[in-house]
Amino acid sequence: MPEGITLERSYTYLVRERKSELSLALFFRALNEGFKGFFITRSYPEHIKKRYDLGDTPIIWLSNVRMDYTLRPKDLEELSMKLDKFLSSVDKAVILLDGIEYLITSNDFSTLLKFVQGLRDEVTLKNALLLIPVSPNTLEPHKLKLLEEEADVVI
């Protein structure tokens, strides 16, 4: 459990980390505090379900494999619609956007940045939380800086 980090509603958090361990801990803390979660990931959902008790938390696997719970990384518009629907359906929402590096490699950066900007706005308006883990070594410094500028808090 990450001590000393207070999550504020309507905030977007960019978590600088190589593996998504702190982001996951923050996500599960929010779930334990009564938030409803939405988990977007590059990890195979069955592996996640074996490792963590997510209850009825929806999981979207970013993959080009066609399955009910997958979403192609180029389908940012569909992802945006799913997230908007989720945010509109719950009072206390937390979204973990794990796999942003994969989205960046599958889309041009400006498209992905616009997606993050729109999602941040929705999270702010819906009084929700957004957690975006990013490995700093995987992005060019100016791209990382642009993502950091879209966050309310960088950890």
N, C-alpha and C. Protein backbone atom coordinates (compact mmCIF):
# COMPACT_ATOMS: atom_id res chain seq x y z
N MET A 1 0.85 -1.18 0.00
CA MET A 1 0.00 0.00 0.00
C MET A 1 0.89 1.24 0.00
N PRO A 2 0.75 2.09 -0.97
CA PRO A 2 1.58 3.29 -1.03
C PRO A 2 1.18 4.30 0.04
N GLU A 3 2.09 4.54 0.94
CA GLU A 3 1.84 5.50 2.01
C GLU A 3 2.19 6.90 1.52
N GLY A 4 1.51 7.87 2.06
CA GLY A 4 1.85 9.25 1.78
C GLY A 4 1.31 9.80 0.47
N ILE A 5 0.61 8.98 -0.31
CA ILE A 5 0.03 9.45 -1.57
C ILE A 5 -1.48 9.53 -1.37
N THR A 6 -2.00 10.73 -1.45
CA THR A 6 -3.43 10.94 -1.32
C THR A 6 -4.02 11.14 -2.70
N LEU A 7 -5.03 10.34 -3.02
CA LEU A 7 -5.69 10.46 -4.32
C LEU A 7 -6.85 11.44 -4.19
N GLU A 8 -6.88 12.41 -5.09
CA GLU A 8 -7.94 13.42 -5.12
C GLU A 8 -8.85 13.15 -6.31
N ARG A 9 -10.14 13.22 -6.08
CA ARG A 9 -11.09 13.03 -7.17
C ARG A 9 -10.95 14.18 -8.17
N SER A 10 -11.25 13.89 -9.41
CA SER A 10 -11.14 14.81 -10.54
C SER A 10 -9.69 15.01 -10.98
N TYR A 11 -8.79 14.15 -10.52
CA TYR A 11 -7.37 14.29 -10.83
C TYR A 11 -6.89 13.18 -11.76
N THR A 12 -5.91 13.56 -12.58
CA THR A 12 -5.18 12.61 -13.42
C THR A 12 -3.77 12.50 -12.85
N TYR A 13 -3.36 11.26 -12.62
CA TYR A 13 -2.04 10.98 -12.06
C TYR A 13 -1.19 10.27 -13.11
N LEU A 14 -0.04 10.83 -13.39
CA LEU A 14 0.94 10.16 -14.24
C LEU A 14 1.98 9.57 -13.30
N VAL A 15 2.12 8.26 -13.34
CA VAL A 15 3.01 7.57 -12.42
C VAL A 15 4.22 7.09 -13.21
N ARG A 16 5.37 7.68 -12.91
CA ARG A 16 6.61 7.33 -13.59
C ARG A 16 7.18 6.07 -12.93
N GLU A 17 7.10 4.95 -13.65
CA GLU A 17 7.60 3.69 -13.11
C GLU A 17 7.85 2.70 -14.26
N ARG A 18 8.83 1.84 -14.05
CA ARG A 18 9.17 0.85 -15.08
C ARG A 18 8.11 -0.22 -15.18
N LYS A 19 7.68 -0.74 -14.07
CA LYS A 19 6.57 -1.69 -14.00
C LYS A 19 5.42 -0.99 -13.28
N SER A 20 4.22 -1.42 -13.53
CA SER A 20 3.04 -0.71 -13.01
C SER A 20 2.67 -1.09 -11.58
N GLU A 21 3.64 -1.30 -10.73
CA GLU A 21 3.36 -1.76 -9.37
C GLU A 21 2.70 -0.69 -8.49
N LEU A 22 3.23 0.53 -8.49
CA LEU A 22 2.64 1.60 -7.69
C LEU A 22 1.25 1.95 -8.22
N SER A 23 1.11 2.02 -9.52
CA SER A 23 -0.20 2.32 -10.13
C SER A 23 -1.23 1.28 -9.73
N LEU A 24 -0.84 0.01 -9.78
CA LEU A 24 -1.76 -1.07 -9.37
C LEU A 24 -2.13 -0.92 -7.90
N ALA A 25 -1.15 -0.61 -7.06
CA ALA A 25 -1.43 -0.44 -5.63
C ALA A 25 -2.41 0.71 -5.41
N LEU A 26 -2.22 1.80 -6.13
CA LEU A 26 -3.14 2.95 -6.02
C LEU A 26 -4.53 2.59 -6.53
N PHE A 27 -4.58 1.85 -7.62
CA PHE A 27 -5.85 1.40 -8.20
C PHE A 27 -6.61 0.54 -7.20
N PHE A 28 -5.92 -0.45 -6.61
CA PHE A 28 -6.59 -1.33 -5.65
C PHE A 28 -6.97 -0.60 -4.37
N ARG A 29 -6.18 0.38 -3.97
CA ARG A 29 -6.56 1.17 -2.81
C ARG A 29 -7.87 1.91 -3.10
N ALA A 30 -7.98 2.49 -4.30
CA ALA A 30 -9.22 3.18 -4.67
C ALA A 30 -10.40 2.20 -4.69
N LEU A 31 -10.19 1.00 -5.23
CA LEU A 31 -11.27 0.00 -5.21
C LEU A 31 -11.69 -0.32 -3.79
N ASN A 32 -10.72 -0.48 -2.89
CA ASN A 32 -11.02 -0.76 -1.49
C ASN A 32 -11.73 0.39 -0.80
N GLU A 33 -11.58 1.60 -1.34
CA GLU A 33 -12.25 2.78 -0.78
C GLU A 33 -13.61 3.02 -1.42
N GLY A 34 -14.10 2.06 -2.20
CA GLY A 34 -15.45 2.15 -2.74
C GLY A 34 -15.55 2.66 -4.16
N PHE A 35 -14.44 2.89 -4.82
CA PHE A 35 -14.48 3.30 -6.23
C PHE A 35 -14.78 2.09 -7.11
N LYS A 36 -15.41 2.34 -8.22
CA LYS A 36 -15.60 1.32 -9.25
C LYS A 36 -14.49 1.52 -10.27
N GLY A 37 -13.85 0.43 -10.65
CA GLY A 37 -12.69 0.53 -11.51
C GLY A 37 -12.93 0.09 -12.93
N PHE A 38 -12.07 0.58 -13.80
CA PHE A 38 -11.99 0.16 -15.20
C PHE A 38 -10.51 0.00 -15.50
N PHE A 39 -10.11 -1.17 -15.93
CA PHE A 39 -8.71 -1.54 -16.08
C PHE A 39 -8.40 -1.75 -17.56
N ILE A 40 -7.53 -0.92 -18.12
CA ILE A 40 -7.06 -1.07 -19.50
C ILE A 40 -5.61 -1.52 -19.39
N THR A 41 -5.26 -2.59 -20.10
CA THR A 41 -3.94 -3.18 -19.88
C THR A 41 -3.39 -3.87 -21.12
N ARG A 42 -2.08 -4.03 -21.14
CA ARG A 42 -1.41 -4.85 -22.14
C ARG A 42 -1.26 -6.29 -21.65
N SER A 43 -1.53 -6.53 -20.38
CA SER A 43 -1.40 -7.87 -19.81
C SER A 43 -2.64 -8.70 -20.12
N TYR A 44 -2.44 -9.98 -20.31
CA TYR A 44 -3.54 -10.90 -20.58
C TYR A 44 -4.48 -10.93 -19.37
N PRO A 45 -5.76 -10.63 -19.56
CA PRO A 45 -6.70 -10.52 -18.44
C PRO A 45 -6.78 -11.75 -17.53
N GLU A 46 -6.65 -12.94 -18.10
CA GLU A 46 -6.73 -14.14 -17.26
C GLU A 46 -5.57 -14.19 -16.27
N HIS A 47 -4.40 -13.71 -16.68
CA HIS A 47 -3.26 -13.66 -15.76
C HIS A 47 -3.54 -12.66 -14.64
N ILE A 48 -4.14 -11.55 -14.99
CA ILE A 48 -4.46 -10.53 -13.98
C ILE A 48 -5.50 -11.07 -13.00
N LYS A 49 -6.52 -11.73 -13.52
CA LYS A 49 -7.58 -12.27 -12.65
C LYS A 49 -7.05 -13.35 -11.71
N LYS A 50 -6.05 -14.11 -12.15
CA LYS A 50 -5.45 -15.11 -11.27
C LYS A 50 -4.67 -14.45 -10.15
N ARG A 51 -4.07 -13.33 -10.44
CA ARG A 51 -3.19 -12.66 -9.49
C ARG A 51 -3.93 -11.71 -8.54
N TYR A 52 -5.01 -11.10 -9.03
CA TYR A 52 -5.71 -10.08 -8.25
C TYR A 52 -7.22 -10.36 -8.23
N ASP A 53 -7.84 -10.00 -7.13
CA ASP A 53 -9.30 -10.09 -7.02
C ASP A 53 -9.89 -8.77 -7.50
N LEU A 54 -10.39 -8.76 -8.72
CA LEU A 54 -10.94 -7.54 -9.30
C LEU A 54 -12.46 -7.48 -9.23
N GLY A 55 -13.07 -8.53 -8.72
CA GLY A 55 -14.53 -8.53 -8.65
C GLY A 55 -15.14 -8.32 -10.03
N ASP A 56 -16.03 -7.34 -10.14
CA ASP A 56 -16.71 -7.08 -11.41
C ASP A 56 -16.04 -5.95 -12.21
N THR A 57 -14.79 -5.63 -11.88
CA THR A 57 -14.07 -4.57 -12.59
C THR A 57 -13.87 -4.96 -14.05
N PRO A 58 -14.35 -4.15 -14.98
CA PRO A 58 -14.11 -4.47 -16.39
C PRO A 58 -12.63 -4.34 -16.75
N ILE A 59 -12.18 -5.26 -17.60
CA ILE A 59 -10.81 -5.24 -18.07
C ILE A 59 -10.84 -5.22 -19.60
N ILE A 60 -10.09 -4.29 -20.17
CA ILE A 60 -9.89 -4.25 -21.62
C ILE A 60 -8.44 -4.59 -21.89
N TRP A 61 -8.24 -5.59 -22.71
CA TRP A 61 -6.90 -5.99 -23.10
C TRP A 61 -6.56 -5.31 -24.42
N LEU A 62 -5.53 -4.47 -24.42
CA LEU A 62 -5.07 -3.81 -25.63
C LEU A 62 -4.29 -4.83 -26.46
N SER A 63 -4.93 -5.29 -27.53
CA SER A 63 -4.33 -6.35 -28.34
C SER A 63 -5.00 -6.38 -29.71
N ASN A 64 -4.25 -6.86 -30.68
CA ASN A 64 -4.83 -7.05 -32.01
C ASN A 64 -5.50 -8.41 -32.15
N VAL A 65 -5.44 -9.23 -31.11
CA VAL A 65 -6.16 -10.50 -31.09
C VAL A 65 -7.64 -10.19 -30.90
N ARG A 66 -8.48 -10.85 -31.67
CA ARG A 66 -9.93 -10.59 -31.60
C ARG A 66 -10.59 -11.47 -30.54
N MET A 67 -11.04 -10.84 -29.46
CA MET A 67 -11.80 -11.53 -28.41
C MET A 67 -12.79 -10.52 -27.83
N ASP A 68 -13.71 -11.00 -27.01
CA ASP A 68 -14.74 -10.13 -26.44
C ASP A 68 -14.15 -9.00 -25.60
N TYR A 69 -13.06 -9.26 -24.91
CA TYR A 69 -12.51 -8.30 -23.97
C TYR A 69 -11.26 -7.61 -24.51
N THR A 70 -11.04 -7.67 -25.82
CA THR A 70 -9.88 -6.98 -26.39
C THR A 70 -10.33 -5.74 -27.16
N LEU A 71 -9.37 -4.85 -27.32
CA LEU A 71 -9.58 -3.65 -28.12
C LEU A 71 -8.30 -3.38 -28.88
N ARG A 72 -8.42 -3.20 -30.17
CA ARG A 72 -7.24 -2.90 -30.96
C ARG A 72 -6.67 -1.55 -30.52
N PRO A 73 -5.36 -1.43 -30.42
CA PRO A 73 -4.77 -0.19 -29.91
C PRO A 73 -5.04 1.03 -30.79
N LYS A 74 -5.39 0.82 -32.04
CA LYS A 74 -5.71 1.95 -32.92
C LYS A 74 -7.14 2.45 -32.71
N ASP A 75 -7.96 1.69 -31.98
CA ASP A 75 -9.37 2.04 -31.78
C ASP A 75 -9.56 3.00 -30.60
N LEU A 76 -8.87 4.13 -30.65
CA LEU A 76 -8.96 5.09 -29.54
C LEU A 76 -10.36 5.67 -29.41
N GLU A 77 -11.05 5.83 -30.52
CA GLU A 77 -12.41 6.36 -30.46
C GLU A 77 -13.33 5.39 -29.72
N GLU A 78 -13.21 4.10 -30.01
CA GLU A 78 -14.03 3.11 -29.31
C GLU A 78 -13.67 3.05 -27.83
N LEU A 79 -12.37 3.11 -27.53
CA LEU A 79 -11.94 3.12 -26.13
C LEU A 79 -12.50 4.34 -25.42
N SER A 80 -12.46 5.48 -26.07
CA SER A 80 -13.00 6.70 -25.50
C SER A 80 -14.50 6.56 -25.21
N MET A 81 -15.24 5.95 -26.13
CA MET A 81 -16.68 5.76 -25.92
C MET A 81 -16.95 4.82 -24.75
N LYS A 82 -16.18 3.73 -24.66
CA LYS A 82 -16.35 2.79 -23.53
C LYS A 82 -16.08 3.48 -22.20
N LEU A 83 -15.03 4.28 -22.16
CA LEU A 83 -14.67 4.97 -20.92
C LEU A 83 -15.71 6.04 -20.56
N ASP A 84 -16.21 6.75 -21.56
CA ASP A 84 -17.24 7.76 -21.31
C ASP A 84 -18.50 7.09 -20.77
N LYS A 85 -18.88 5.96 -21.34
CA LYS A 85 -20.05 5.22 -20.87
C LYS A 85 -19.84 4.77 -19.42
N PHE A 86 -18.65 4.27 -19.13
CA PHE A 86 -18.34 3.84 -17.76
C PHE A 86 -18.41 5.02 -16.80
N LEU A 87 -17.76 6.13 -17.16
CA LEU A 87 -17.73 7.30 -16.29
C LEU A 87 -19.14 7.85 -16.03
N SER A 88 -20.01 7.72 -17.01
CA SER A 88 -21.38 8.22 -16.86
C SER A 88 -22.26 7.28 -16.03
N SER A 89 -21.80 6.05 -15.82
CA SER A 89 -22.64 5.06 -15.15
C SER A 89 -22.32 4.85 -13.68
N VAL A 90 -21.24 5.43 -13.17
CA VAL A 90 -20.87 5.24 -11.76
C VAL A 90 -20.58 6.58 -11.10
N ASP A 91 -20.74 6.60 -9.78
CA ASP A 91 -20.49 7.84 -9.04
C ASP A 91 -19.02 8.03 -8.69
N LYS A 92 -18.37 6.96 -8.30
CA LYS A 92 -16.96 7.03 -7.90
C LYS A 92 -16.18 6.10 -8.83
N ALA A 93 -15.50 6.68 -9.81
CA ALA A 93 -14.81 5.89 -10.82
C ALA A 93 -13.31 6.09 -10.75
N VAL A 94 -12.58 5.00 -11.00
CA VAL A 94 -11.13 5.06 -11.14
C VAL A 94 -10.76 4.26 -12.39
N ILE A 95 -9.92 4.86 -13.22
CA ILE A 95 -9.46 4.21 -14.46
C ILE A 95 -7.96 4.03 -14.36
N LEU A 96 -7.52 2.81 -14.65
CA LEU A 96 -6.09 2.54 -14.76
C LEU A 96 -5.79 2.31 -16.24
N LEU A 97 -5.05 3.23 -16.83
CA LEU A 97 -4.66 3.14 -18.24
C LEU A 97 -3.22 2.63 -18.30
N ASP A 98 -3.10 1.31 -18.20
CA ASP A 98 -1.80 0.64 -18.22
C ASP A 98 -1.53 0.20 -19.66
N GLY A 99 -0.44 0.62 -20.22
CA GLY A 99 -0.12 0.25 -21.59
C GLY A 99 -0.06 1.44 -22.52
N ILE A 100 0.14 2.62 -21.96
CA ILE A 100 0.16 3.82 -22.81
C ILE A 100 1.29 3.76 -23.83
N GLU A 101 2.39 3.11 -23.48
CA GLU A 101 3.50 2.99 -24.44
C GLU A 101 3.05 2.22 -25.69
N TYR A 102 2.24 1.19 -25.49
CA TYR A 102 1.71 0.42 -26.61
C TYR A 102 0.77 1.27 -27.46
N LEU A 103 -0.03 2.09 -26.81
CA LEU A 103 -0.92 2.98 -27.56
C LEU A 103 -0.11 4.00 -28.36
N ILE A 104 0.99 4.46 -27.78
CA ILE A 104 1.84 5.42 -28.48
C ILE A 104 2.48 4.79 -29.71
N THR A 105 2.94 3.54 -29.59
CA THR A 105 3.58 2.89 -30.74
C THR A 105 2.57 2.50 -31.82
N SER A 106 1.30 2.43 -31.45
CA SER A 106 0.27 2.03 -32.41
C SER A 106 -0.45 3.21 -33.05
N ASN A 107 -0.24 4.39 -32.50
CA ASN A 107 -0.90 5.61 -33.01
C ASN A 107 0.17 6.69 -33.11
N ASP A 108 -0.12 7.74 -33.86
CA ASP A 108 0.85 8.83 -33.82
C ASP A 108 0.67 9.55 -32.49
N PHE A 109 1.74 10.15 -32.01
CA PHE A 109 1.74 10.71 -30.66
C PHE A 109 0.69 11.79 -30.48
N SER A 110 0.51 12.64 -31.47
CA SER A 110 -0.47 13.73 -31.30
C SER A 110 -1.89 13.18 -31.15
N THR A 111 -2.21 12.09 -31.84
CA THR A 111 -3.52 11.46 -31.71
C THR A 111 -3.70 10.91 -30.30
N LEU A 112 -2.65 10.25 -29.81
CA LEU A 112 -2.71 9.69 -28.47
C LEU A 112 -2.81 10.80 -27.43
N LEU A 113 -2.08 11.88 -27.62
CA LEU A 113 -2.12 13.00 -26.68
C LEU A 113 -3.53 13.61 -26.64
N LYS A 114 -4.16 13.75 -27.78
CA LYS A 114 -5.54 14.26 -27.83
C LYS A 114 -6.49 13.33 -27.08
N PHE A 115 -6.28 12.02 -27.22
CA PHE A 115 -7.08 11.04 -26.49
C PHE A 115 -6.92 11.25 -24.97
N VAL A 116 -5.68 11.39 -24.51
CA VAL A 116 -5.40 11.60 -23.08
C VAL A 116 -6.02 12.92 -22.62
N GLN A 117 -5.92 13.96 -23.43
CA GLN A 117 -6.51 15.25 -23.07
C GLN A 117 -8.02 15.15 -22.90
N GLY A 118 -8.67 14.46 -23.83
CA GLY A 118 -10.11 14.29 -23.74
C GLY A 118 -10.51 13.45 -22.54
N LEU A 119 -9.76 12.38 -22.29
CA LEU A 119 -10.05 11.53 -21.15
C LEU A 119 -9.84 12.29 -19.84
N ARG A 120 -8.79 13.07 -19.78
CA ARG A 120 -8.54 13.88 -18.59
C ARG A 120 -9.72 14.82 -18.33
N ASP A 121 -10.22 15.46 -19.36
CA ASP A 121 -11.35 16.36 -19.21
C ASP A 121 -12.58 15.62 -18.67
N GLU A 122 -12.85 14.44 -19.22
CA GLU A 122 -14.00 13.64 -18.76
C GLU A 122 -13.83 13.23 -17.30
N VAL A 123 -12.63 12.81 -16.94
CA VAL A 123 -12.35 12.42 -15.55
C VAL A 123 -12.57 13.60 -14.62
N THR A 124 -12.13 14.77 -15.04
CA THR A 124 -12.31 15.97 -14.22
C THR A 124 -13.80 16.29 -14.04
N LEU A 125 -14.54 16.28 -15.13
CA LEU A 125 -15.96 16.61 -15.07
C LEU A 125 -16.78 15.59 -14.29
N LYS A 126 -16.37 14.32 -14.35
CA LYS A 126 -17.13 13.24 -13.70
C LYS A 126 -16.61 12.97 -12.28
N ASN A 127 -15.68 13.80 -11.80
CA ASN A 127 -15.18 13.68 -10.43
C ASN A 127 -14.56 12.30 -10.18
N ALA A 128 -13.82 11.81 -11.16
CA ALA A 128 -13.23 10.47 -11.12
C ALA A 128 -11.72 10.57 -10.90
N LEU A 129 -11.05 9.43 -11.01
CA LEU A 129 -9.60 9.34 -10.92
C LEU A 129 -9.06 8.66 -12.16
N LEU A 130 -7.91 9.13 -12.64
CA LEU A 130 -7.24 8.50 -13.77
C LEU A 130 -5.79 8.26 -13.38
N LEU A 131 -5.35 7.01 -13.50
CA LEU A 131 -3.97 6.62 -13.23
C LEU A 131 -3.33 6.18 -14.54
N ILE A 132 -2.21 6.81 -14.89
CA ILE A 132 -1.50 6.46 -16.12
C ILE A 132 -0.05 6.15 -15.77
N PRO A 133 0.29 4.87 -15.67
CA PRO A 133 1.70 4.53 -15.47
C PRO A 133 2.45 4.69 -16.78
N VAL A 134 3.68 5.19 -16.69
CA VAL A 134 4.51 5.33 -17.89
C VAL A 134 5.96 5.09 -17.48
N SER A 135 6.64 4.33 -18.30
CA SER A 135 8.06 4.09 -18.08
C SER A 135 8.83 5.22 -18.77
N PRO A 136 9.48 6.10 -18.00
CA PRO A 136 10.14 7.27 -18.58
C PRO A 136 11.19 6.93 -19.64
N ASN A 137 11.82 5.79 -19.52
CA ASN A 137 12.88 5.41 -20.46
C ASN A 137 12.35 5.00 -21.83
N THR A 138 11.04 4.83 -21.95
CA THR A 138 10.47 4.37 -23.21
C THR A 138 10.03 5.51 -24.13
N LEU A 139 10.05 6.74 -23.61
CA LEU A 139 9.58 7.88 -24.40
C LEU A 139 10.69 8.91 -24.58
N GLU A 140 10.62 9.60 -25.69
CA GLU A 140 11.51 10.74 -25.89
C GLU A 140 11.16 11.80 -24.83
N PRO A 141 12.16 12.52 -24.32
CA PRO A 141 11.90 13.48 -23.23
C PRO A 141 10.80 14.49 -23.52
N HIS A 142 10.72 15.02 -24.75
CA HIS A 142 9.67 16.02 -25.02
C HIS A 142 8.27 15.40 -25.02
N LYS A 143 8.16 14.13 -25.42
CA LYS A 143 6.86 13.46 -25.38
C LYS A 143 6.45 13.17 -23.94
N LEU A 144 7.40 12.74 -23.14
CA LEU A 144 7.13 12.51 -21.73
C LEU A 144 6.69 13.82 -21.07
N LYS A 145 7.34 14.91 -21.40
CA LYS A 145 7.00 16.22 -20.85
C LYS A 145 5.57 16.62 -21.23
N LEU A 146 5.18 16.37 -22.47
CA LEU A 146 3.81 16.69 -22.90
C LEU A 146 2.79 15.86 -22.12
N LEU A 147 3.08 14.59 -21.89
CA LEU A 147 2.18 13.77 -21.09
C LEU A 147 2.12 14.27 -19.65
N GLU A 148 3.27 14.62 -19.10
CA GLU A 148 3.30 15.13 -17.73
C GLU A 148 2.48 16.41 -17.59
N GLU A 149 2.49 17.24 -18.62
CA GLU A 149 1.73 18.48 -18.57
C GLU A 149 0.22 18.24 -18.55
N GLU A 150 -0.22 17.08 -19.02
CA GLU A 150 -1.64 16.75 -19.00
C GLU A 150 -2.08 16.17 -17.67
N ALA A 151 -1.14 15.83 -16.81
CA ALA A 151 -1.47 15.26 -15.51
C ALA A 151 -1.62 16.36 -14.47
N ASP A 152 -2.48 16.11 -13.51
CA ASP A 152 -2.58 17.02 -12.37
C ASP A 152 -1.44 16.77 -11.39
N VAL A 153 -1.04 15.50 -11.30
CA VAL A 153 0.02 15.10 -10.37
C VAL A 153 0.94 14.12 -11.08
N VAL A 154 2.24 14.32 -10.97
CA VAL A 154 3.23 13.37 -11.48
C VAL A 154 3.91 12.74 -10.27
N ILE A 155 3.88 11.44 -10.24
CA ILE A 155 4.47 10.70 -9.12
C ILE A 155 5.70 9.98 -9.63
